[in-house]
N, C-alpha and C. Protein backbone atom coordinates (compact mmCIF):
# COMPACT_ATOMS: atom_id res chain seq x y z
N MET A 1 3.10 2.93 14.99
CA MET A 1 2.64 3.79 13.89
C MET A 1 1.37 4.65 14.60
N SER A 2 1.50 5.85 14.98
CA SER A 2 0.67 6.76 15.26
C SER A 2 -0.46 7.33 14.48
N GLU A 3 -0.52 6.86 13.21
CA GLU A 3 -1.52 7.49 12.28
C GLU A 3 -2.53 6.53 12.40
N ILE A 4 -3.59 7.43 11.91
CA ILE A 4 -4.99 6.26 11.93
C ILE A 4 -4.81 5.13 10.79
N GLN A 5 -4.91 3.99 10.70
CA GLN A 5 -5.20 3.16 9.89
C GLN A 5 -6.60 2.80 9.74
N ARG A 6 -6.90 3.03 8.45
CA ARG A 6 -8.31 2.74 7.83
C ARG A 6 -8.31 1.55 7.17
N LEU A 7 -9.51 0.84 7.37
CA LEU A 7 -9.82 -0.14 6.57
C LEU A 7 -11.24 0.29 5.53
N TYR A 8 -10.92 -0.25 4.34
CA TYR A 8 -12.24 -0.11 3.44
C TYR A 8 -12.40 -1.32 2.77
N ILE A 9 -13.49 -1.68 3.34
CA ILE A 9 -14.24 -3.05 2.81
C ILE A 9 -15.30 -3.13 1.41
N VAL A 10 -14.95 -3.78 0.58
CA VAL A 10 -15.66 -3.67 -0.75
C VAL A 10 -16.15 -4.93 -1.18
N ASP A 11 -17.68 -5.25 -0.83
CA ASP A 11 -18.23 -6.30 -1.20
C ASP A 11 -19.75 -5.90 -1.62
N ASP A 12 -20.35 -6.81 -2.25
CA ASP A 12 -21.76 -6.64 -3.09
C ASP A 12 -22.73 -7.22 -2.08
N ASP A 13 -22.12 -8.25 -1.18
CA ASP A 13 -22.96 -8.89 -0.29
C ASP A 13 -23.12 -8.16 0.96
N GLU A 14 -24.46 -7.54 1.29
CA GLU A 14 -24.48 -6.68 2.67
C GLU A 14 -24.15 -7.44 3.91
N SER A 15 -24.50 -8.79 3.64
CA SER A 15 -24.19 -9.55 5.34
C SER A 15 -23.00 -9.61 5.63
N VAL A 16 -22.21 -9.70 4.51
CA VAL A 16 -20.51 -9.96 4.46
C VAL A 16 -19.99 -8.56 4.91
N LEU A 17 -20.40 -7.39 4.26
CA LEU A 17 -20.09 -5.93 4.81
C LEU A 17 -20.53 -5.97 6.40
N ASP A 18 -21.69 -5.84 6.75
CA ASP A 18 -21.98 -5.81 7.98
C ASP A 18 -21.13 -6.77 9.10
N SER A 19 -21.01 -8.23 8.74
CA SER A 19 -20.01 -8.99 9.85
C SER A 19 -18.40 -8.68 9.94
N LEU A 20 -18.18 -8.02 8.71
CA LEU A 20 -16.63 -7.90 8.52
C LEU A 20 -16.52 -6.42 9.43
N GLU A 21 -17.23 -5.69 9.13
CA GLU A 21 -17.38 -4.26 9.78
C GLU A 21 -17.37 -4.49 11.56
N PHE A 22 -18.39 -5.15 11.94
CA PHE A 22 -18.51 -5.49 13.07
C PHE A 22 -17.30 -6.51 13.77
N VAL A 23 -16.69 -7.28 13.18
CA VAL A 23 -15.49 -8.00 13.79
C VAL A 23 -14.31 -6.92 13.66
N LEU A 24 -14.34 -6.17 12.65
CA LEU A 24 -13.07 -5.14 12.61
C LEU A 24 -13.15 -4.17 13.47
N GLN A 25 -14.28 -3.41 13.60
CA GLN A 25 -14.64 -2.33 14.47
C GLN A 25 -14.27 -2.90 15.84
N GLY A 26 -14.81 -4.21 16.36
CA GLY A 26 -14.39 -4.95 17.74
C GLY A 26 -13.07 -4.68 18.07
N GLU A 27 -12.45 -4.96 17.01
CA GLU A 27 -10.69 -4.87 17.14
C GLU A 27 -10.34 -3.62 17.39
N GLY A 28 -11.06 -2.47 17.07
CA GLY A 28 -10.62 -1.18 17.35
C GLY A 28 -10.39 -0.45 15.91
N TYR A 29 -10.58 -0.95 14.82
CA TYR A 29 -10.46 -0.43 13.32
C TYR A 29 -11.25 0.58 13.06
N GLN A 30 -11.02 1.57 12.53
CA GLN A 30 -12.01 2.35 11.51
C GLN A 30 -12.08 1.83 10.19
N THR A 31 -13.52 1.66 10.11
CA THR A 31 -13.91 0.83 8.51
C THR A 31 -14.99 1.70 7.88
N GLN A 32 -14.75 1.62 6.71
CA GLN A 32 -15.83 2.24 5.69
C GLN A 32 -16.12 1.03 4.71
N CYS A 33 -17.58 0.96 4.68
CA CYS A 33 -17.98 -0.32 3.63
C CYS A 33 -18.37 0.75 2.36
N PHE A 34 -18.20 0.02 1.27
CA PHE A 34 -18.72 0.21 -0.16
C PHE A 34 -19.49 -1.33 -0.63
N SER A 35 -20.62 -1.10 -1.65
CA SER A 35 -21.07 -2.29 -1.93
C SER A 35 -20.68 -2.41 -3.20
N SER A 36 -19.52 -1.60 -4.00
CA SER A 36 -19.23 -1.82 -5.04
C SER A 36 -18.09 -1.37 -5.52
N ALA A 37 -17.14 -1.94 -6.21
CA ALA A 37 -15.87 -1.20 -6.63
C ALA A 37 -15.90 0.23 -7.32
N GLU A 38 -16.85 0.17 -7.99
CA GLU A 38 -17.14 1.73 -8.41
C GLU A 38 -17.53 2.71 -7.26
N ALA A 39 -18.34 2.32 -6.42
CA ALA A 39 -18.59 3.22 -5.33
C ALA A 39 -17.57 3.48 -4.54
N PHE A 40 -16.35 2.70 -4.39
CA PHE A 40 -15.28 2.91 -4.00
C PHE A 40 -14.42 3.81 -4.64
N LEU A 41 -14.66 3.44 -5.98
CA LEU A 41 -13.66 4.44 -6.75
C LEU A 41 -14.16 6.06 -6.52
N GLN A 42 -15.43 5.98 -6.78
CA GLN A 42 -15.96 7.35 -6.60
C GLN A 42 -15.64 7.96 -5.50
N TRP A 43 -15.74 7.45 -4.23
CA TRP A 43 -15.56 7.92 -3.27
C TRP A 43 -14.13 8.42 -3.04
N SER A 44 -13.24 7.49 -3.28
CA SER A 44 -11.74 7.63 -3.46
C SER A 44 -11.26 9.06 -4.12
N GLU A 45 -12.01 9.20 -5.17
CA GLU A 45 -11.64 10.37 -6.23
C GLU A 45 -12.10 11.58 -5.31
N ARG A 46 -13.07 11.68 -4.42
CA ARG A 46 -13.06 12.87 -3.42
C ARG A 46 -12.26 12.72 -2.33
N HIS A 47 -11.67 11.78 -2.01
CA HIS A 47 -10.72 11.88 -0.86
C HIS A 47 -9.64 11.07 -1.00
N ILE A 48 -8.64 11.57 -2.15
CA ILE A 48 -7.50 11.02 -2.72
C ILE A 48 -6.63 10.67 -1.80
N GLU A 49 -6.68 11.06 -0.54
CA GLU A 49 -5.65 10.88 0.23
C GLU A 49 -5.53 9.70 0.88
N CYS A 50 -7.03 9.01 1.11
CA CYS A 50 -6.93 7.66 1.45
C CYS A 50 -6.35 6.85 0.78
N LEU A 51 -5.84 6.98 -0.63
CA LEU A 51 -5.03 5.99 -1.34
C LEU A 51 -3.34 6.29 -1.03
N THR A 52 -2.88 6.94 -0.40
CA THR A 52 -1.78 7.09 0.25
C THR A 52 -1.46 6.92 1.70
N ASP A 53 -2.57 7.01 2.13
CA ASP A 53 -2.33 6.62 3.76
C ASP A 53 -2.31 5.46 4.01
N THR A 54 -1.85 5.09 5.15
CA THR A 54 -1.55 3.59 5.83
C THR A 54 -2.81 3.22 5.89
N GLY A 55 -3.18 2.08 4.94
CA GLY A 55 -4.54 1.57 5.26
C GLY A 55 -4.78 0.17 4.47
N CYS A 56 -5.84 -0.45 4.56
CA CYS A 56 -5.94 -1.90 4.01
C CYS A 56 -7.48 -1.86 3.19
N LEU A 57 -7.51 -2.44 2.02
CA LEU A 57 -8.65 -2.61 1.38
C LEU A 57 -8.83 -4.18 1.17
N ILE A 58 -10.03 -4.31 1.93
CA ILE A 58 -10.49 -5.68 1.74
C ILE A 58 -11.54 -5.89 0.76
N LEU A 59 -11.18 -6.86 -0.31
CA LEU A 59 -11.95 -6.54 -1.37
C LEU A 59 -12.53 -7.81 -2.19
N ASP A 60 -13.87 -7.91 -2.29
CA ASP A 60 -14.46 -9.18 -2.98
C ASP A 60 -13.78 -9.21 -4.44
N CYS A 61 -13.75 -10.32 -4.78
CA CYS A 61 -13.14 -10.79 -6.31
C CYS A 61 -14.27 -10.66 -7.16
N ARG A 62 -15.34 -11.07 -7.09
CA ARG A 62 -16.22 -11.12 -8.07
C ARG A 62 -17.60 -10.55 -7.33
N MET A 63 -17.81 -9.52 -8.22
CA MET A 63 -19.05 -8.36 -7.95
C MET A 63 -19.54 -8.11 -9.36
N PRO A 64 -20.91 -7.72 -9.10
CA PRO A 64 -21.39 -7.30 -10.53
C PRO A 64 -20.80 -5.97 -11.07
N GLY A 65 -20.45 -5.68 -12.21
CA GLY A 65 -19.91 -4.40 -12.70
C GLY A 65 -18.31 -4.85 -12.55
N MET A 66 -17.86 -3.70 -11.90
CA MET A 66 -16.12 -3.95 -11.71
C MET A 66 -15.85 -5.03 -10.91
N GLY A 67 -15.00 -5.72 -11.18
CA GLY A 67 -14.44 -7.02 -10.12
C GLY A 67 -13.49 -6.48 -9.64
N GLY A 68 -13.00 -6.95 -8.31
CA GLY A 68 -11.97 -6.65 -7.24
C GLY A 68 -10.42 -6.48 -8.07
N GLN A 69 -10.16 -7.56 -9.16
CA GLN A 69 -8.94 -7.65 -9.69
C GLN A 69 -9.00 -6.24 -10.50
N THR A 70 -9.86 -5.91 -11.31
CA THR A 70 -9.83 -4.72 -12.18
C THR A 70 -9.47 -3.33 -11.36
N LEU A 71 -10.19 -3.13 -10.20
CA LEU A 71 -10.01 -2.27 -9.10
C LEU A 71 -8.65 -2.34 -8.56
N GLN A 72 -8.12 -3.40 -8.35
CA GLN A 72 -6.43 -3.70 -8.04
C GLN A 72 -5.60 -2.92 -9.00
N THR A 73 -5.99 -3.41 -10.18
CA THR A 73 -5.22 -2.83 -11.24
C THR A 73 -5.25 -1.22 -11.50
N LEU A 74 -6.29 -0.74 -11.37
CA LEU A 74 -6.56 0.61 -11.38
C LEU A 74 -5.71 1.58 -10.38
N LEU A 75 -5.96 0.78 -9.28
CA LEU A 75 -5.27 1.49 -8.05
C LEU A 75 -3.66 1.29 -7.95
N SER A 76 -3.16 0.26 -8.61
CA SER A 76 -1.60 0.15 -8.88
C SER A 76 -1.20 1.18 -9.63
N GLN A 77 -2.35 1.70 -10.51
CA GLN A 77 -1.63 2.70 -11.52
C GLN A 77 -1.68 4.19 -10.83
N THR A 78 -2.34 4.27 -9.55
CA THR A 78 -2.27 5.50 -8.86
C THR A 78 -1.22 5.84 -8.11
N ARG A 79 -0.27 4.47 -7.89
CA ARG A 79 0.56 4.34 -6.85
C ARG A 79 -0.03 4.45 -5.26
N SER A 80 -0.99 3.60 -5.24
CA SER A 80 -1.84 3.50 -3.82
C SER A 80 -0.85 2.88 -3.22
N THR A 81 -0.82 2.97 -1.74
CA THR A 81 -0.09 2.73 -0.79
C THR A 81 -1.44 1.41 -0.18
N LEU A 82 -2.33 1.30 -0.22
CA LEU A 82 -3.42 0.54 0.39
C LEU A 82 -2.78 -0.85 0.08
N GLY A 83 -2.75 -1.57 1.43
CA GLY A 83 -2.62 -2.87 1.21
C GLY A 83 -3.83 -4.04 0.92
N ILE A 84 -3.64 -4.61 0.04
CA ILE A 84 -5.28 -5.52 -0.52
C ILE A 84 -5.38 -6.69 -0.16
N VAL A 85 -6.17 -7.07 0.85
CA VAL A 85 -6.75 -8.31 0.87
C VAL A 85 -8.12 -8.86 0.39
N PHE A 86 -7.70 -10.16 -0.62
CA PHE A 86 -8.95 -10.36 -1.29
C PHE A 86 -9.83 -11.06 -0.64
N LEU A 87 -10.95 -11.39 -0.97
CA LEU A 87 -12.12 -12.41 -0.30
C LEU A 87 -12.86 -12.87 -1.70
N THR A 88 -13.08 -14.12 -1.61
CA THR A 88 -13.84 -14.65 -2.43
C THR A 88 -14.35 -15.83 -2.00
N GLY A 89 -15.44 -16.22 -2.60
CA GLY A 89 -16.40 -17.11 -2.33
C GLY A 89 -16.17 -18.52 -3.58
N TYR A 90 -15.84 -18.00 -4.31
CA TYR A 90 -15.59 -18.87 -5.56
C TYR A 90 -14.48 -18.74 -6.17
N GLY A 91 -13.12 -18.34 -5.53
CA GLY A 91 -11.70 -18.35 -5.62
C GLY A 91 -11.33 -19.58 -6.34
N ASP A 92 -10.32 -19.68 -7.43
CA ASP A 92 -9.52 -20.52 -7.70
C ASP A 92 -8.01 -20.11 -7.87
N VAL A 93 -7.18 -21.37 -8.23
CA VAL A 93 -5.78 -20.97 -7.80
C VAL A 93 -5.15 -19.84 -8.71
N PRO A 94 -5.56 -20.06 -10.01
CA PRO A 94 -4.99 -18.79 -10.99
C PRO A 94 -5.34 -17.57 -10.52
N MET A 95 -6.68 -17.42 -10.19
CA MET A 95 -6.97 -16.21 -9.59
C MET A 95 -6.32 -15.41 -8.58
N ALA A 96 -6.06 -16.36 -7.76
CA ALA A 96 -5.47 -16.15 -6.37
C ALA A 96 -4.00 -15.87 -6.77
N VAL A 97 -3.25 -16.29 -7.51
CA VAL A 97 -1.98 -16.33 -7.96
C VAL A 97 -1.68 -14.86 -8.63
N ASP A 98 -2.57 -14.91 -9.47
CA ASP A 98 -2.79 -13.39 -10.32
C ASP A 98 -2.95 -12.47 -9.41
N ALA A 99 -3.85 -12.47 -8.62
CA ALA A 99 -4.09 -11.49 -7.52
C ALA A 99 -2.70 -10.97 -6.83
N LEU A 100 -1.99 -11.95 -6.21
CA LEU A 100 -0.51 -12.09 -5.30
C LEU A 100 0.06 -11.31 -6.13
N LYS A 101 0.52 -11.90 -7.46
CA LYS A 101 1.51 -11.36 -8.36
C LYS A 101 1.22 -9.95 -8.52
N GLN A 102 0.11 -9.24 -8.57
CA GLN A 102 -0.24 -7.91 -8.72
C GLN A 102 -0.15 -7.22 -7.54
N GLY A 103 0.49 -7.98 -6.44
CA GLY A 103 0.47 -7.04 -5.13
C GLY A 103 0.02 -7.40 -4.18
N ALA A 104 -1.13 -8.00 -4.14
CA ALA A 104 -2.08 -8.31 -2.85
C ALA A 104 -1.53 -9.03 -1.72
N VAL A 105 -1.65 -8.53 -0.74
CA VAL A 105 -1.08 -9.11 0.60
C VAL A 105 -1.68 -10.67 0.61
N ASP A 106 -2.87 -10.84 0.57
CA ASP A 106 -3.48 -12.06 0.80
C ASP A 106 -4.87 -12.31 0.22
N PHE A 107 -5.07 -13.62 0.38
CA PHE A 107 -6.44 -14.13 -0.72
C PHE A 107 -6.94 -15.26 0.13
N LEU A 108 -8.01 -14.49 0.71
CA LEU A 108 -8.80 -15.67 1.58
C LEU A 108 -10.30 -15.95 1.02
N GLN A 109 -10.69 -17.26 1.62
CA GLN A 109 -11.91 -17.67 0.85
C GLN A 109 -13.19 -17.58 2.04
N LYS A 110 -14.15 -16.98 1.43
CA LYS A 110 -15.36 -17.09 2.46
C LYS A 110 -15.87 -18.46 2.70
N PRO A 111 -16.46 -18.75 3.75
CA PRO A 111 -16.65 -17.61 4.81
C PRO A 111 -15.14 -17.41 5.67
N VAL A 112 -14.69 -16.37 5.88
CA VAL A 112 -13.39 -16.06 6.46
C VAL A 112 -13.03 -16.31 8.04
N ASP A 113 -12.34 -17.07 8.27
CA ASP A 113 -12.09 -17.19 9.63
C ASP A 113 -11.54 -16.02 10.43
N GLN A 114 -12.12 -15.50 11.45
CA GLN A 114 -11.70 -14.50 12.12
C GLN A 114 -10.20 -14.03 12.47
N LYS A 115 -9.54 -15.43 12.80
CA LYS A 115 -7.97 -15.29 13.20
C LYS A 115 -7.32 -15.03 11.68
N HIS A 116 -7.84 -15.78 10.73
CA HIS A 116 -6.81 -15.36 9.41
C HIS A 116 -7.32 -14.19 8.92
N LEU A 117 -8.53 -13.59 8.89
CA LEU A 117 -8.83 -12.31 8.55
C LEU A 117 -7.77 -11.09 9.44
N LEU A 118 -7.88 -11.20 10.58
CA LEU A 118 -6.92 -10.30 11.35
C LEU A 118 -5.73 -10.30 11.18
N ARG A 119 -5.20 -11.40 10.96
CA ARG A 119 -3.81 -11.61 10.45
C ARG A 119 -3.54 -11.04 9.14
N ALA A 120 -4.58 -11.36 8.20
CA ALA A 120 -4.20 -10.53 6.99
C ALA A 120 -4.22 -9.14 6.76
N VAL A 121 -5.01 -8.74 8.00
CA VAL A 121 -5.38 -6.94 7.98
C VAL A 121 -4.09 -6.52 8.48
N LYS A 122 -3.59 -7.28 9.56
CA LYS A 122 -2.36 -6.87 10.24
C LYS A 122 -1.14 -6.66 9.16
N ASN A 123 -0.92 -7.88 8.44
CA ASN A 123 -0.04 -7.83 7.34
C ASN A 123 -0.08 -6.87 6.31
N ALA A 124 -1.35 -6.69 5.91
CA ALA A 124 -1.52 -5.53 4.97
C ALA A 124 -1.28 -4.17 5.61
N LEU A 125 -1.77 -3.88 6.60
CA LEU A 125 -0.98 -2.58 7.36
C LEU A 125 0.32 -2.38 7.34
N ILE A 126 0.97 -3.40 7.72
CA ILE A 126 2.27 -3.70 7.75
C ILE A 126 3.13 -3.35 6.20
N TRP A 127 2.27 -4.13 5.27
CA TRP A 127 2.71 -3.56 3.99
C TRP A 127 2.66 -2.17 3.55
N SER A 128 1.37 -1.79 3.97
CA SER A 128 1.08 -0.27 3.32
C SER A 128 1.83 0.88 3.97
N ALA A 129 2.50 0.42 5.38
CA ALA A 129 3.13 1.42 6.05
C ALA A 129 4.58 1.33 5.17
N ALA A 130 4.96 0.17 5.15
CA ALA A 130 6.21 0.00 4.49
C ALA A 130 6.06 0.80 2.75
N GLU A 131 5.11 0.50 2.24
CA GLU A 131 5.05 1.11 0.75
C GLU A 131 4.99 2.53 0.90
N LYS A 132 4.34 3.20 1.91
CA LYS A 132 4.11 4.53 2.00
C LYS A 132 5.60 5.20 2.16
N ALA A 133 6.28 4.65 3.06
CA ALA A 133 7.88 4.96 3.61
C ALA A 133 8.66 4.99 2.37
N ARG A 134 8.11 3.77 1.48
CA ARG A 134 9.22 3.42 -0.08
C ARG A 134 9.06 4.71 -0.70
N GLN A 135 7.59 4.87 -1.10
CA GLN A 135 7.37 5.91 -1.90
C GLN A 135 7.86 7.24 -1.46
N THR A 136 7.85 7.68 -0.10
CA THR A 136 8.21 8.89 0.43
C THR A 136 9.74 8.99 -0.04
N TYR A 137 10.58 7.92 0.28
CA TYR A 137 11.99 7.47 0.01
C TYR A 137 12.33 7.96 -1.35
N ILE A 138 11.42 7.37 -2.39
CA ILE A 138 11.80 7.58 -3.63
C ILE A 138 11.17 8.98 -4.15
N SER A 139 10.37 9.71 -3.58
CA SER A 139 10.06 10.99 -3.90
C SER A 139 11.08 11.89 -3.36
N ARG A 140 11.65 11.80 -2.00
CA ARG A 140 12.78 12.53 -2.13
C ARG A 140 14.07 12.18 -2.69
N TYR A 141 14.35 11.10 -3.20
CA TYR A 141 15.45 10.83 -4.06
C TYR A 141 15.18 11.58 -5.31
N GLU A 142 13.77 11.71 -6.01
CA GLU A 142 13.61 12.31 -7.06
C GLU A 142 14.11 13.96 -6.75
N GLN A 143 13.93 14.35 -5.86
CA GLN A 143 14.12 15.91 -5.54
C GLN A 143 15.58 16.27 -5.51
N LEU A 144 16.19 15.10 -5.44
CA LEU A 144 17.74 15.40 -5.33
C LEU A 144 18.47 16.14 -6.52
N THR A 145 19.38 16.82 -6.48
CA THR A 145 20.08 17.28 -7.60
C THR A 145 21.07 15.94 -8.27
N GLY A 146 21.71 16.40 -9.30
CA GLY A 146 22.75 15.21 -10.06
C GLY A 146 23.61 15.09 -9.00
N ARG A 147 24.13 15.91 -8.41
CA ARG A 147 25.49 15.99 -7.55
C ARG A 147 25.16 15.55 -6.27
N GLU A 148 24.03 15.65 -5.69
CA GLU A 148 23.63 14.90 -4.48
C GLU A 148 23.36 13.44 -4.84
N ARG A 149 22.89 13.01 -5.96
CA ARG A 149 22.84 11.73 -6.08
C ARG A 149 24.14 11.11 -6.47
N ASN A 150 25.03 11.94 -6.75
CA ASN A 150 26.38 11.35 -7.20
C ASN A 150 27.00 10.74 -5.91
N ILE A 151 26.82 11.96 -4.82
CA ILE A 151 27.38 11.99 -3.51
C ILE A 151 26.66 10.64 -2.81
N LEU A 152 25.35 10.66 -2.90
CA LEU A 152 24.52 9.41 -2.29
C LEU A 152 24.93 7.97 -2.49
N THR A 153 25.31 8.24 -3.85
CA THR A 153 25.69 6.83 -4.64
C THR A 153 27.21 6.35 -3.83
N LEU A 154 28.04 7.36 -3.76
CA LEU A 154 29.38 7.13 -3.29
C LEU A 154 29.27 6.89 -1.75
N LEU A 155 28.28 7.81 -1.20
CA LEU A 155 28.13 7.29 0.58
C LEU A 155 27.73 5.83 0.30
N ALA A 156 26.67 5.60 -0.06
CA ALA A 156 26.09 3.99 -0.13
C ALA A 156 27.41 3.15 -0.55
N ASP A 157 28.34 3.42 -1.10
CA ASP A 157 29.50 2.57 -1.32
C ASP A 157 30.50 2.60 -0.35
N GLY A 158 30.22 3.25 0.74
CA GLY A 158 31.14 3.34 1.87
C GLY A 158 32.24 4.20 1.83
N LYS A 159 32.23 5.32 0.85
CA LYS A 159 33.18 6.34 0.90
C LYS A 159 32.91 7.37 1.93
N THR A 160 34.19 7.78 2.23
CA THR A 160 34.14 8.94 3.12
C THR A 160 34.08 10.28 2.59
N ASN A 161 33.66 11.24 3.28
CA ASN A 161 33.53 12.41 2.68
C ASN A 161 34.83 13.12 1.70
N GLN A 162 36.21 12.76 2.35
CA GLN A 162 37.35 13.10 1.65
C GLN A 162 37.40 12.10 0.55
N GLN A 163 37.16 10.90 0.13
CA GLN A 163 37.11 10.12 -0.85
C GLN A 163 36.13 10.43 -1.74
N ILE A 164 34.93 11.17 -1.20
CA ILE A 164 33.91 11.45 -2.34
C ILE A 164 34.46 12.64 -3.05
N ALA A 165 34.92 13.63 -2.04
CA ALA A 165 35.70 14.99 -2.60
C ALA A 165 36.57 14.56 -3.77
N GLU A 166 37.48 13.72 -3.51
CA GLU A 166 38.63 13.36 -4.58
C GLU A 166 37.90 12.85 -5.86
N ASN A 167 37.14 11.87 -5.66
CA ASN A 167 36.10 11.27 -6.64
C ASN A 167 35.65 12.26 -7.85
N LEU A 168 35.06 13.29 -7.12
CA LEU A 168 34.04 14.35 -7.69
C LEU A 168 34.68 15.56 -8.05
N PHE A 169 35.99 15.71 -7.69
CA PHE A 169 36.84 16.87 -7.97
C PHE A 169 36.09 18.28 -7.27
N ILE A 170 35.51 17.90 -6.13
CA ILE A 170 35.08 19.05 -5.28
C ILE A 170 35.92 19.16 -3.76
N SER A 171 35.26 20.03 -3.03
CA SER A 171 36.22 20.16 -1.50
C SER A 171 35.30 19.35 -0.91
N ALA A 172 35.83 18.67 0.41
CA ALA A 172 35.04 17.83 1.19
C ALA A 172 34.12 18.86 1.91
N ARG A 173 34.27 20.00 2.06
CA ARG A 173 33.38 20.96 2.62
C ARG A 173 32.01 21.04 1.72
N MET A 174 32.41 20.85 0.49
CA MET A 174 31.35 20.80 -0.42
C MET A 174 30.33 19.32 -0.39
N VAL A 175 31.02 18.54 -0.08
CA VAL A 175 30.40 17.24 0.27
C VAL A 175 29.58 17.23 1.43
N GLU A 176 29.99 17.88 2.51
CA GLU A 176 29.25 18.30 3.58
C GLU A 176 28.16 18.90 3.35
N VAL A 177 28.16 20.22 2.68
CA VAL A 177 27.20 20.72 2.43
C VAL A 177 25.96 20.05 1.44
N HIS A 178 26.11 19.27 0.61
CA HIS A 178 25.57 18.44 -0.07
C HIS A 178 24.73 17.31 0.66
N ARG A 179 25.63 16.78 1.59
CA ARG A 179 24.84 15.87 2.35
C ARG A 179 23.81 16.40 3.26
N ALA A 180 24.25 17.56 3.86
CA ALA A 180 23.06 18.39 4.69
C ALA A 180 21.78 18.46 3.87
């Protein structure tokens, strides 16, 4: 992966922000810190590309104002490709289960073990890259014409160009044109 992988850290505790930033920058990651979910949302509205780049959002669950799970819900509505890792000092099993069901990559309890944090960030970045690719494929599929979609479906079924042509009552050359 040659693109820059950014980490966004959202926590209302400044000492947590500082320590996470120190550890993650020491591992070579580019980080940006926010003291609230609202601050991250406002910033992301001005930097909309951050939501669809490969990246990781390290997010505190409980903060004054908007909580981490509310932010997660809002981001899922924007088709964000950020992998989310939740941190909490007061987590409970139902909260963790809900966050993971909504697509979070991991759920860690504070104080966070550095090894577990780095593994969670790595997994979130892998998830983010895969989600970005998935959304690219969906977008490309949505741009296909009806005929191209029919041909793609038959190709996925293992049909040859000649079989597709016979099935769709077109020439094999036309199948080749649509495949290009």
